[in-house]
Amino acid sequence: RACTATIRVKLLKIGAAIVRNTRRVRVLLASQHPLKHVFISAARAMAP
């Protein structure tokens, strides 16, 4: 379990880009990121 600030710090440390518009927030990871599967599973768990 992680709070939003922790997730944001970890994303910033890996160089992810966070793009926010009126309806959605997109997290852009490098294609070769070693923990990409962790962030994908977390995003699926948070999706409505």
Protein backbone atom coordinates (compact mmCIF):
# COMPACT_ATOMS: atom_id res chain seq x y z
CA ARG A 1 0.00 0.00 0.00
CA ALA A 2 1.40 3.36 -0.99
CA CYS A 3 0.06 6.87 -0.81
CA THR A 4 -0.09 9.15 -3.81
CA ALA A 5 3.02 11.09 -2.78
CA THR A 6 5.08 7.90 -2.56
CA ILE A 7 3.98 6.78 -6.01
CA ARG A 8 4.75 10.22 -7.44
CA VAL A 9 8.25 10.26 -5.93
CA LYS A 10 9.03 6.78 -7.27
CA LEU A 11 7.79 7.79 -10.73
CA LEU A 12 9.89 10.94 -10.69
CA LYS A 13 12.98 9.00 -9.65
CA ILE A 14 12.61 6.75 -12.70
CA GLY A 15 11.96 9.63 -15.07
CA ALA A 16 8.30 9.01 -15.85
CA ALA A 17 6.21 11.74 -17.36
CA ILE A 18 2.80 12.47 -15.86
CA VAL A 19 0.34 14.12 -18.25
CA ARG A 20 -2.93 15.40 -16.82
CA ASN A 21 -5.90 16.74 -18.73
CA THR A 22 -9.55 17.23 -17.82
CA ARG A 23 -10.61 13.58 -17.91
CA ARG A 24 -7.56 11.44 -17.29
CA VAL A 25 -4.06 11.20 -15.93
CA ARG A 26 -1.50 9.40 -18.09
CA VAL A 27 1.80 8.04 -16.82
CA LEU A 28 4.40 7.62 -19.54
CA LEU A 29 7.14 5.13 -18.67
CA ALA A 30 10.19 4.19 -20.66
CA SER A 31 9.59 1.01 -22.67
CA GLN A 32 12.50 -0.77 -20.96
CA HIS A 33 11.72 0.19 -17.37
CA PRO A 34 12.52 -2.75 -15.02
CA LEU A 35 9.44 -2.28 -12.80
CA LYS A 36 6.98 -1.52 -15.58
CA HIS A 37 4.85 -4.57 -14.74
CA VAL A 38 4.41 -3.30 -11.15
CA PHE A 39 3.07 0.05 -12.32
CA ILE A 40 0.79 -1.61 -14.89
CA SER A 41 -0.75 -3.91 -12.28
CA ALA A 42 -1.18 -0.98 -9.87
CA ALA A 43 -2.91 1.08 -12.56
CA ARG A 44 -5.26 -1.79 -13.37
CA ALA A 45 -6.09 -2.19 -9.68
CA MET A 46 -6.98 1.52 -9.40
CA ALA A 47 -9.04 1.65 -12.61
CA PRO A 48 -12.82 1.87 -12.20
